[in-house]
Amino acid sequence: MNRPLAILAALALAFGIGPAHAQAPTGKVTVSTSFPKDVTDPIKKAFEKAHPGVTLDVQNRNTNAGVKYLEETKDNNQTDLFWASAPDAFEVLKGKGLLQKYQPKATGIPEKIGAFPINDPDGYYFGFAASGYGIMWNERYAKANNLPEPKEWSDLAKPVYYDHVSIATPSRSGTTHLTIETILQGEGWEQGWRTIKEMAGNFRNVTERSFGVPEAVNSGEVGVGIVIDFFAFSAQASGFPVKFVYPTVTTIVPANVAIVANAPNKAGAEAFIEFLLSPEGQEVLLEPSIRRLPINPAVYEKAPADYPNPFKDPSLGARVKFDVTISEKRTAVVDALFDQLITFQLDDLKSATKAVHEAEAALAQKDNAEARALVKEARDLIAAMPITEEQASSPEIAGAFTGGKQKGARQAELEQQWAAFAKERYAEAKAKAEQALKLAR
């Protein structure tokens, strides 16, 4: 090789020009995500600027729909990335062989956030941001309706919040599912469902999409919402009169991204992951429309002064050691229980709850032992569950929610049983509370 060619070869090696340069991403990178446009648009813009010639094709589906879509299209996959908050959804995809291993090159990211691993230890999915779950409220609405500032989940069960609270259904929202699962893991199955159903008795509605809740709180249509933290933080940054609190029973878990097995644009998918994990990509998370918690601790130096920092505040999520394996085993069962006991029975649940509130208010003025016993029975009827924690993860019940025609029939049978169970007990609870009210007068 003559001297000029030798010099060019050396420069090529030094600057990464040559064979590696041929792997630079180009074309379309297709991502299936549950994140709203407020989150995806700024990241899409920054990624495409960092990689000229690459287009990020964002296809929005809720988490459960995204998982089903990847299952249905696996034989002719056209999706490069799966991008969502719920770690148990990634576990499901991993278990079905629908994700592809990768080793990110990004540096400066710890192994854990709190007690939770940031990345899948087997290398199939990766945390890019962290999130916690809590309570958001509109200050103007709260003042107009004399609502106190909530601090714990149990506060939302108080009579003062009746008809002022909104939540998304966990069967349509991965982040709401994580909230429900966090309460169940933090308080235990029986007490957790009691707390959830006592809150639910005060719900104004149950929405189909998670971002419907913060939109209603921002506009003052409803006073209080059960949300993932970044909905509140981005609303605050946009000037809405809202506040947010992490209850004691919450958890901080990573939101994730993964390359789909047989991705048509693997180089583009890898480039997107590297961008998300780079300092530049992590800083985009601080933008007002996003306001997510970066998983690179150094990036918090550029965050606003009051920005939550789970790496410096060990109290965030410390109460709950979230077990993604437990959550994965019973995801569909928990979602179905919520729908059959709460979403589809909300009017009956609210009616029973209101009767209990009225009886307790009367008892506060004039005590009556028999009436108090009836109210306790009514509360226990509302809190009652049709299955135990062990049954929720059992092959006999959890297995009925895994698809297939035979299991589909069993799933429908169980859901009908649970709906009938709830309807009967809420009616009985209402009757006992009304009887207690008569005794207390």
Protein backbone atom coordinates (compact mmCIF):
# COMPACT_ATOMS: atom_id res chain seq x y z
CA MET A 1 0.00 0.00 0.00
CA ASN A 2 1.48 3.43 -0.97
CA ARG A 3 1.84 6.19 1.60
CA PRO A 4 -1.30 8.27 0.74
CA LEU A 5 -3.52 5.16 0.84
CA ALA A 6 -1.96 4.10 4.13
CA ILE A 7 -2.72 7.52 5.63
CA LEU A 8 -6.35 7.34 4.42
CA ALA A 9 -6.74 3.85 5.89
CA ALA A 10 -5.40 5.02 9.24
CA LEU A 11 -7.78 7.98 9.27
CA ALA A 12 -10.68 5.69 8.41
CA LEU A 13 -9.90 3.48 11.40
CA ALA A 14 -9.37 6.45 13.71
CA PHE A 15 -12.71 8.09 12.87
CA GLY A 16 -14.83 5.01 12.43
CA ILE A 17 -15.12 5.40 8.67
CA GLY A 18 -15.42 2.27 6.59
CA PRO A 19 -17.38 -0.92 7.25
CA ALA A 20 -18.94 0.41 10.50
CA HIS A 21 -20.10 3.53 8.66
CA ALA A 22 -22.10 1.29 6.32
CA GLN A 23 -24.22 0.27 9.31
CA ALA A 24 -25.37 3.84 9.99
CA PRO A 25 -29.17 3.86 10.33
CA THR A 26 -31.30 4.91 7.40
CA GLY A 27 -34.92 4.69 6.35
CA LYS A 28 -37.98 4.17 8.51
CA VAL A 29 -37.88 2.99 12.14
CA THR A 30 -41.32 1.78 13.24
CA VAL A 31 -42.18 1.94 16.93
CA SER A 32 -45.31 0.69 18.68
CA THR A 33 -45.92 2.77 21.78
CA SER A 34 -48.53 3.61 24.39
CA PHE A 35 -47.08 7.08 24.96
CA PRO A 36 -49.12 10.12 23.82
CA LYS A 37 -47.90 12.57 21.18
CA ASP A 38 -46.84 15.07 23.86
CA VAL A 39 -44.16 12.56 24.81
CA THR A 40 -43.29 11.04 21.47
CA ASP A 41 -43.21 14.17 19.28
CA PRO A 42 -40.27 15.94 21.00
CA ILE A 43 -38.28 12.69 21.12
CA LYS A 44 -39.05 11.95 17.46
CA LYS A 45 -37.92 15.43 16.47
CA ALA A 46 -34.66 15.20 18.46
CA PHE A 47 -33.89 11.67 17.21
CA GLU A 48 -34.47 12.55 13.55
CA LYS A 49 -32.28 15.65 13.97
CA ALA A 50 -29.50 13.50 15.44
CA HIS A 51 -29.88 10.96 12.60
CA PRO A 52 -30.57 12.75 9.30
CA GLY A 53 -32.16 10.41 6.79
CA VAL A 54 -33.99 8.39 9.45
CA THR A 55 -37.76 8.70 10.02
CA LEU A 56 -39.38 7.52 13.25
CA ASP A 57 -42.80 6.07 12.44
CA VAL A 58 -44.76 6.26 15.71
CA GLN A 59 -47.76 3.92 15.93
CA ASN A 60 -49.83 4.57 19.03
CA ARG A 61 -51.53 1.63 20.74
CA ASN A 62 -52.32 1.05 24.39
CA THR A 63 -49.98 -1.42 26.05
CA ASN A 64 -52.25 -4.46 25.88
CA ALA A 65 -53.17 -3.77 22.26
CA GLY A 66 -49.48 -3.34 21.41
CA VAL A 67 -48.62 -6.72 22.91
CA LYS A 68 -51.45 -8.41 21.02
CA TYR A 69 -50.42 -6.72 17.78
CA LEU A 70 -46.87 -8.05 18.04
CA GLU A 71 -48.23 -11.53 18.76
CA GLU A 72 -50.58 -11.41 15.77
CA THR A 73 -47.97 -10.08 13.31
CA LYS A 74 -44.93 -12.09 14.43
CA ASP A 75 -44.83 -14.17 11.22
CA ASN A 76 -44.53 -11.02 9.14
CA ASN A 77 -43.22 -8.49 11.63
CA GLN A 78 -43.07 -4.87 10.46
CA THR A 79 -42.33 -3.29 13.86
CA ASP A 80 -38.83 -2.39 15.01
CA LEU A 81 -39.40 -1.25 18.60
CA PHE A 82 -41.82 -1.66 21.48
CA TRP A 83 -41.87 1.39 23.78
CA ALA A 84 -44.05 1.53 26.91
CA SER A 85 -44.15 1.97 30.69
CA ALA A 86 -45.27 -1.44 31.94
CA PRO A 87 -42.35 -3.81 32.69
CA ASP A 88 -44.66 -6.82 32.92
CA ALA A 89 -45.71 -6.27 29.28
CA PHE A 90 -42.06 -6.62 28.26
CA GLU A 91 -41.81 -9.79 30.33
CA VAL A 92 -44.78 -11.22 28.43
CA LEU A 93 -43.17 -10.38 25.07
CA LYS A 94 -39.83 -11.75 26.23
CA GLY A 95 -41.45 -14.99 27.37
CA LYS A 96 -43.09 -15.41 23.95
CA GLY A 97 -39.79 -14.91 22.12
CA LEU A 98 -40.95 -11.64 20.57
CA LEU A 99 -38.00 -9.48 21.66
CA GLN A 100 -34.42 -9.40 20.45
CA LYS A 101 -31.32 -9.22 22.65
CA TYR A 102 -29.15 -6.13 22.56
CA GLN A 103 -26.30 -4.65 24.58
CA PRO A 104 -26.56 -0.84 24.79
CA LYS A 105 -23.32 1.08 24.55
CA ALA A 106 -24.51 4.06 26.62
CA THR A 107 -22.62 4.79 29.84
CA GLY A 108 -23.45 6.49 33.15
CA ILE A 109 -26.63 4.50 33.86
CA PRO A 110 -26.84 2.62 37.20
CA GLU A 111 -27.98 -0.97 37.50
CA LYS A 112 -30.97 -0.08 39.66
CA ILE A 113 -33.33 2.73 40.50
CA GLY A 114 -34.22 2.17 44.14
CA ALA A 115 -34.56 -1.61 44.43
CA PHE A 116 -35.70 -2.10 40.83
CA PRO A 117 -33.33 -3.16 38.01
CA ILE A 118 -33.25 -0.55 35.25
CA ASN A 119 -32.56 -3.08 32.50
CA ASP A 120 -33.69 -6.63 31.90
CA PRO A 121 -30.81 -8.78 33.25
CA ASP A 122 -31.09 -11.00 30.15
CA GLY A 123 -30.71 -8.04 27.78
CA TYR A 124 -34.12 -8.02 26.10
CA TYR A 125 -35.44 -4.61 27.22
CA PHE A 126 -34.01 -1.44 28.69
CA GLY A 127 -35.17 1.35 30.96
CA PHE A 128 -34.98 4.82 29.44
CA ALA A 129 -36.98 6.77 32.06
CA ALA A 130 -38.48 6.16 35.47
CA SER A 131 -42.00 6.72 36.69
CA GLY A 132 -43.99 6.66 39.90
CA TYR A 133 -47.73 6.53 40.52
CA GLY A 134 -49.83 8.86 42.57
CA ILE A 135 -52.57 11.44 42.93
CA MET A 136 -53.05 14.59 40.84
CA TRP A 137 -55.57 17.29 41.63
CA ASN A 138 -56.77 20.63 40.30
CA GLU A 139 -56.24 23.31 42.96
CA ARG A 140 -59.04 25.58 41.71
CA TYR A 141 -61.50 22.70 41.60
CA ALA A 142 -60.41 21.56 45.07
CA LYS A 143 -60.91 25.05 46.50
CA ALA A 144 -64.32 25.43 44.87
CA ASN A 145 -65.46 22.05 46.21
CA ASN A 146 -63.76 22.24 49.62
CA LEU A 147 -61.56 19.22 48.92
CA PRO A 148 -58.55 18.74 51.20
CA GLU A 149 -55.16 17.92 49.70
CA PRO A 150 -54.87 14.11 49.50
CA LYS A 151 -51.68 12.41 50.65
CA GLU A 152 -52.47 8.67 50.67
CA TRP A 153 -54.65 6.33 48.62
CA SER A 154 -56.94 5.89 51.64
CA ASP A 155 -57.68 9.63 51.60
CA LEU A 156 -59.55 9.17 48.32
CA ALA A 157 -61.95 6.80 50.09
CA LYS A 158 -63.21 9.59 52.35
CA PRO A 159 -66.79 10.82 51.78
CA VAL A 160 -65.58 14.31 50.83
CA TYR A 161 -64.15 12.93 47.58
CA TYR A 162 -67.38 11.26 46.45
CA ASP A 163 -67.86 11.75 42.68
CA HIS A 164 -64.67 13.84 42.38
CA VAL A 165 -62.11 11.17 41.36
CA SER A 166 -61.20 9.69 37.96
CA ILE A 167 -59.06 6.74 36.88
CA ALA A 168 -58.35 4.84 33.66
CA THR A 169 -59.21 1.17 33.42
CA PRO A 170 -56.11 -1.01 33.88
CA SER A 171 -57.28 -3.33 31.10
CA ARG A 172 -56.70 -0.45 28.65
CA SER A 173 -53.86 1.36 30.42
CA GLY A 174 -50.54 -0.25 31.34
CA THR A 175 -49.70 2.59 33.74
CA THR A 176 -52.99 2.22 35.62
CA HIS A 177 -52.42 -1.53 35.81
CA LEU A 178 -49.06 -0.83 37.47
CA THR A 179 -50.77 1.52 39.93
CA ILE A 180 -53.32 -1.14 40.91
CA GLU A 181 -50.64 -3.84 41.11
CA THR A 182 -48.46 -1.56 43.25
CA ILE A 183 -51.29 -1.10 45.77
CA LEU A 184 -51.91 -4.87 45.82
CA GLN A 185 -48.23 -5.62 46.38
CA GLY A 186 -47.77 -2.78 48.87
CA GLU A 187 -50.86 -3.47 51.01
CA GLY A 188 -51.45 -7.16 50.31
CA TRP A 189 -54.22 -8.72 48.23
CA GLU A 190 -57.18 -8.38 50.61
CA GLN A 191 -56.36 -4.95 52.06
CA GLY A 192 -55.20 -3.69 48.67
CA TRP A 193 -58.49 -4.54 46.99
CA ARG A 194 -60.37 -3.05 49.96
CA THR A 195 -58.49 0.23 49.47
CA ILE A 196 -59.03 0.15 45.70
CA LYS A 197 -62.77 -0.53 45.99
CA GLU A 198 -63.26 2.06 48.73
CA MET A 199 -61.60 4.63 46.45
CA ALA A 200 -63.63 3.36 43.50
CA GLY A 201 -66.86 4.06 45.35
CA ASN A 202 -65.94 7.74 44.95
CA PHE A 203 -65.03 7.58 41.24
CA ARG A 204 -66.75 9.96 38.84
CA ASN A 205 -65.82 7.66 35.97
CA VAL A 206 -63.39 5.07 34.63
CA THR A 207 -61.84 6.20 31.34
CA GLU A 208 -60.55 4.04 28.49
CA ARG A 209 -57.21 5.80 28.04
CA SER A 210 -54.77 6.91 30.73
CA PHE A 211 -54.30 10.44 29.34
CA GLY A 212 -58.06 11.05 29.55
CA VAL A 213 -57.64 11.38 33.32
CA PRO A 214 -55.08 14.23 33.44
CA GLU A 215 -56.90 16.03 30.63
CA ALA A 216 -60.06 16.03 32.76
CA VAL A 217 -58.15 17.23 35.83
CA ASN A 218 -56.35 19.96 33.84
CA SER A 219 -59.65 21.28 32.47
CA GLY A 220 -61.43 21.13 35.83
CA GLU A 221 -63.95 18.59 34.55
CA VAL A 222 -62.98 16.41 37.51
CA GLY A 223 -61.04 17.31 40.63
CA VAL A 224 -58.73 14.39 41.31
CA GLY A 225 -57.01 11.82 39.11
CA ILE A 226 -55.02 8.67 39.77
CA VAL A 227 -52.13 9.02 37.34
CA ILE A 228 -48.52 8.29 36.45
CA ASP A 229 -46.34 11.15 37.68
CA PHE A 230 -45.27 12.70 34.39
CA PHE A 231 -48.87 13.59 33.46
CA ALA A 232 -48.94 15.92 36.46
CA PHE A 233 -45.40 17.27 36.01
CA SER A 234 -45.96 18.14 32.33
CA ALA A 235 -49.31 19.78 33.20
CA GLN A 236 -47.60 21.89 35.86
CA ALA A 237 -44.88 22.91 33.40
CA SER A 238 -47.60 23.94 30.96
CA GLY A 239 -49.20 26.23 33.54
CA PHE A 240 -52.19 24.18 34.65
CA PRO A 241 -53.20 24.71 38.33
CA VAL A 242 -52.47 21.14 39.41
CA LYS A 243 -50.53 19.42 42.15
CA PHE A 244 -49.27 15.86 42.59
CA VAL A 245 -48.27 13.60 45.45
CA TYR A 246 -46.63 10.19 45.69
CA PRO A 247 -48.52 8.17 48.33
CA THR A 248 -46.42 6.12 50.74
CA VAL A 249 -47.50 2.97 48.89
CA THR A 250 -46.05 3.63 45.47
CA THR A 251 -43.10 2.43 43.45
CA ILE A 252 -40.59 3.90 41.04
CA VAL A 253 -40.12 1.62 38.05
CA PRO A 254 -38.45 2.11 34.67
CA ALA A 255 -40.37 2.74 31.48
CA ASN A 256 -38.82 0.58 28.81
CA VAL A 257 -37.88 0.15 25.19
CA ALA A 258 -37.02 -3.06 23.32
CA ILE A 259 -36.12 -4.25 19.85
CA VAL A 260 -38.77 -6.53 18.39
CA ALA A 261 -37.61 -9.95 17.16
CA ASN A 262 -36.89 -9.92 13.41
CA ALA A 263 -36.99 -6.14 13.33
CA PRO A 264 -36.92 -4.96 9.67
CA ASN A 265 -34.64 -2.03 10.56
CA LYS A 266 -32.42 -3.40 13.31
CA ALA A 267 -29.72 -0.72 12.84
CA GLY A 268 -32.36 2.00 13.17
CA ALA A 269 -33.83 0.36 16.27
CA GLU A 270 -30.41 0.16 17.91
CA ALA A 271 -29.75 3.81 17.06
CA PHE A 272 -33.03 4.84 18.70
CA ILE A 273 -32.16 2.99 21.91
CA GLU A 274 -28.70 4.56 22.00
CA PHE A 275 -30.24 7.99 21.48
CA LEU A 276 -32.77 7.52 24.30
CA LEU A 277 -29.98 6.48 26.68
CA SER A 278 -27.51 9.19 25.60
CA PRO A 279 -27.20 12.43 27.62
CA GLU A 280 -28.87 14.26 24.73
CA GLY A 281 -31.82 11.87 24.68
CA GLN A 282 -32.12 11.87 28.48
CA GLU A 283 -32.25 15.67 28.52
CA VAL A 284 -35.26 15.63 26.19
CA LEU A 285 -37.17 13.96 29.05
CA LEU A 286 -36.92 17.23 30.99
CA GLU A 287 -38.91 19.17 28.37
CA PRO A 288 -42.18 20.65 29.74
CA SER A 289 -44.42 18.43 27.59
CA ILE A 290 -42.67 15.24 28.81
CA ARG A 291 -41.31 15.74 32.35
CA ARG A 292 -40.22 12.15 32.93
CA LEU A 293 -37.56 11.02 35.40
CA PRO A 294 -34.23 10.34 33.59
CA ILE A 295 -32.35 7.15 34.45
CA ASN A 296 -28.98 8.88 34.06
CA PRO A 297 -28.33 10.58 37.45
CA ALA A 298 -26.05 13.20 35.90
CA VAL A 299 -28.92 14.64 33.83
CA TYR A 300 -30.72 15.86 36.97
CA GLU A 301 -28.13 18.65 37.18
CA LYS A 302 -30.03 20.28 34.30
CA ALA A 303 -33.48 19.68 35.84
CA PRO A 304 -35.57 22.41 37.53
CA ALA A 305 -34.86 22.93 41.23
CA ASP A 306 -38.03 21.18 42.43
CA TYR A 307 -37.73 18.20 40.06
CA PRO A 308 -38.15 14.81 41.84
CA ASN A 309 -34.87 12.86 41.91
CA PRO A 310 -35.23 9.18 42.89
CA PHE A 311 -31.45 8.84 43.02
CA LYS A 312 -31.25 11.45 45.81
CA ASP A 313 -34.61 10.89 47.53
CA PRO A 314 -34.61 7.29 48.82
CA SER A 315 -38.16 7.67 50.17
CA LEU A 316 -39.62 7.60 46.65
CA GLY A 317 -40.97 4.12 46.09
CA ALA A 318 -39.11 2.71 49.11
CA ARG A 319 -42.23 1.14 50.65
CA VAL A 320 -42.95 -1.27 47.77
CA LYS A 321 -40.44 -3.76 46.39
CA PHE A 322 -42.31 -4.27 43.13
CA ASP A 323 -42.09 -7.86 41.87
CA VAL A 324 -42.56 -7.91 38.10
CA THR A 325 -42.82 -11.72 38.09
CA ILE A 326 -45.85 -11.67 40.40
CA SER A 327 -47.41 -8.93 38.31
CA GLU A 328 -46.81 -10.77 35.03
CA LYS A 329 -48.46 -13.99 36.26
CA ARG A 330 -51.72 -12.30 37.19
CA THR A 331 -51.88 -9.25 34.90
CA ALA A 332 -54.93 -10.34 32.92
CA VAL A 333 -56.71 -11.61 36.04
CA VAL A 334 -56.18 -8.34 37.95
CA ASP A 335 -57.41 -6.34 34.96
CA ALA A 336 -60.49 -8.54 34.57
CA LEU A 337 -61.27 -8.34 38.29
CA PHE A 338 -61.07 -4.55 38.18
CA ASP A 339 -63.44 -4.38 35.22
CA GLN A 340 -65.96 -6.90 36.56
CA LEU A 341 -65.94 -5.53 40.13
CA ILE A 342 -65.50 -1.82 39.41
CA THR A 343 -65.62 -0.58 35.79
CA PHE A 344 -68.82 -2.43 34.81
CA GLN A 345 -70.39 -2.19 38.28
CA LEU A 346 -69.52 1.41 39.03
CA ASP A 347 -73.10 2.67 39.49
CA ASP A 348 -73.94 -0.12 41.95
CA LEU A 349 -70.63 0.33 43.79
CA LYS A 350 -71.17 4.09 44.08
CA SER A 351 -74.72 3.59 45.28
CA ALA A 352 -73.59 1.20 48.03
CA THR A 353 -70.71 3.50 48.97
CA LYS A 354 -72.98 6.54 49.22
CA ALA A 355 -75.35 4.60 51.49
CA VAL A 356 -72.43 3.70 53.76
CA HIS A 357 -71.28 7.34 53.87
CA GLU A 358 -74.78 8.53 54.80
CA ALA A 359 -75.11 5.93 57.55
CA GLU A 360 -71.72 6.81 59.00
CA ALA A 361 -72.58 10.53 58.94
CA ALA A 362 -75.77 9.80 60.88
CA LEU A 363 -73.88 7.62 63.36
CA ALA A 364 -71.45 10.48 63.99
CA GLN A 365 -74.43 12.47 65.28
CA LYS A 366 -76.21 9.65 67.09
CA ASP A 367 -74.35 6.44 67.89
CA ASN A 368 -76.05 3.06 67.65
CA ALA A 369 -74.21 -0.23 68.19
CA GLU A 370 -76.50 -2.28 65.97
CA ALA A 371 -76.22 0.25 63.17
CA ARG A 372 -72.41 0.34 63.44
CA ALA A 373 -72.32 -3.44 63.14
CA LEU A 374 -74.47 -3.22 60.00
CA VAL A 375 -72.16 -0.60 58.49
CA LYS A 376 -69.15 -2.80 59.15
CA GLU A 377 -70.93 -5.69 57.43
CA ALA A 378 -71.71 -3.40 54.51
CA ARG A 379 -68.08 -2.32 54.17
CA ASP A 380 -66.93 -5.94 54.31
CA LEU A 381 -69.41 -6.88 51.59
CA ILE A 382 -68.09 -4.10 49.35
CA ALA A 383 -64.49 -5.20 49.96
CA ALA A 384 -65.15 -8.92 49.42
CA MET A 385 -63.22 -10.64 46.63
CA PRO A 386 -64.40 -13.65 44.60
CA ILE A 387 -60.91 -15.25 44.48
CA THR A 388 -57.80 -15.35 46.66
CA GLU A 389 -54.33 -14.13 45.77
CA GLU A 390 -53.17 -17.72 45.26
CA GLN A 391 -56.06 -18.43 42.89
CA ALA A 392 -55.30 -15.29 40.85
CA SER A 393 -51.94 -16.75 39.80
CA SER A 394 -53.07 -20.36 39.56
CA PRO A 395 -53.04 -22.25 36.25
CA GLU A 396 -56.76 -22.93 36.63
CA ILE A 397 -57.68 -19.21 36.68
CA ALA A 398 -54.70 -17.32 35.21
CA GLY A 399 -54.53 -19.97 32.49
CA ALA A 400 -58.09 -19.13 31.42
CA PHE A 401 -56.91 -15.67 30.35
CA THR A 402 -54.17 -16.75 27.94
CA GLY A 403 -56.29 -17.00 24.78
CA GLY A 404 -57.62 -19.89 22.75
CA LYS A 405 -61.22 -20.94 22.15
CA GLN A 406 -61.63 -23.35 25.07
CA LYS A 407 -59.95 -21.00 27.52
CA GLY A 408 -61.97 -18.12 26.07
CA ALA A 409 -65.16 -19.84 27.21
CA ARG A 410 -63.70 -20.37 30.68
CA GLN A 411 -62.63 -16.74 30.85
CA ALA A 412 -66.15 -15.59 29.99
CA GLU A 413 -67.56 -17.94 32.64
CA LEU A 414 -65.25 -16.52 35.32
CA GLU A 415 -66.01 -12.94 34.38
CA GLN A 416 -69.75 -13.59 34.60
CA GLN A 417 -69.27 -15.18 38.02
CA TRP A 418 -67.25 -12.21 39.26
CA ALA A 419 -69.76 -9.68 37.94
CA ALA A 420 -72.64 -11.53 39.62
CA PHE A 421 -70.59 -11.77 42.84
CA ALA A 422 -70.07 -8.00 42.86
CA LYS A 423 -73.64 -7.09 41.95
CA GLU A 424 -75.07 -9.30 44.70
CA ARG A 425 -72.73 -8.00 47.40
CA TYR A 426 -73.08 -4.34 46.50
CA ALA A 427 -76.87 -4.67 46.66
CA GLU A 428 -76.65 -6.40 50.02
CA ALA A 429 -74.19 -3.77 51.29
CA LYS A 430 -76.52 -0.97 50.25
CA ALA A 431 -79.47 -2.63 52.01
CA LYS A 432 -77.50 -3.03 55.25
CA ALA A 433 -76.27 0.58 55.12
CA GLU A 434 -79.81 1.85 54.55
CA GLN A 435 -81.01 -0.25 57.49
CA ALA A 436 -78.22 1.23 59.62
CA LEU A 437 -79.28 4.74 58.60
CA LYS A 438 -82.83 4.12 59.80
CA LEU A 439 -81.55 2.87 63.16
CA ALA A 440 -79.27 5.90 63.56
CA ARG A 441 -82.04 8.44 63.00
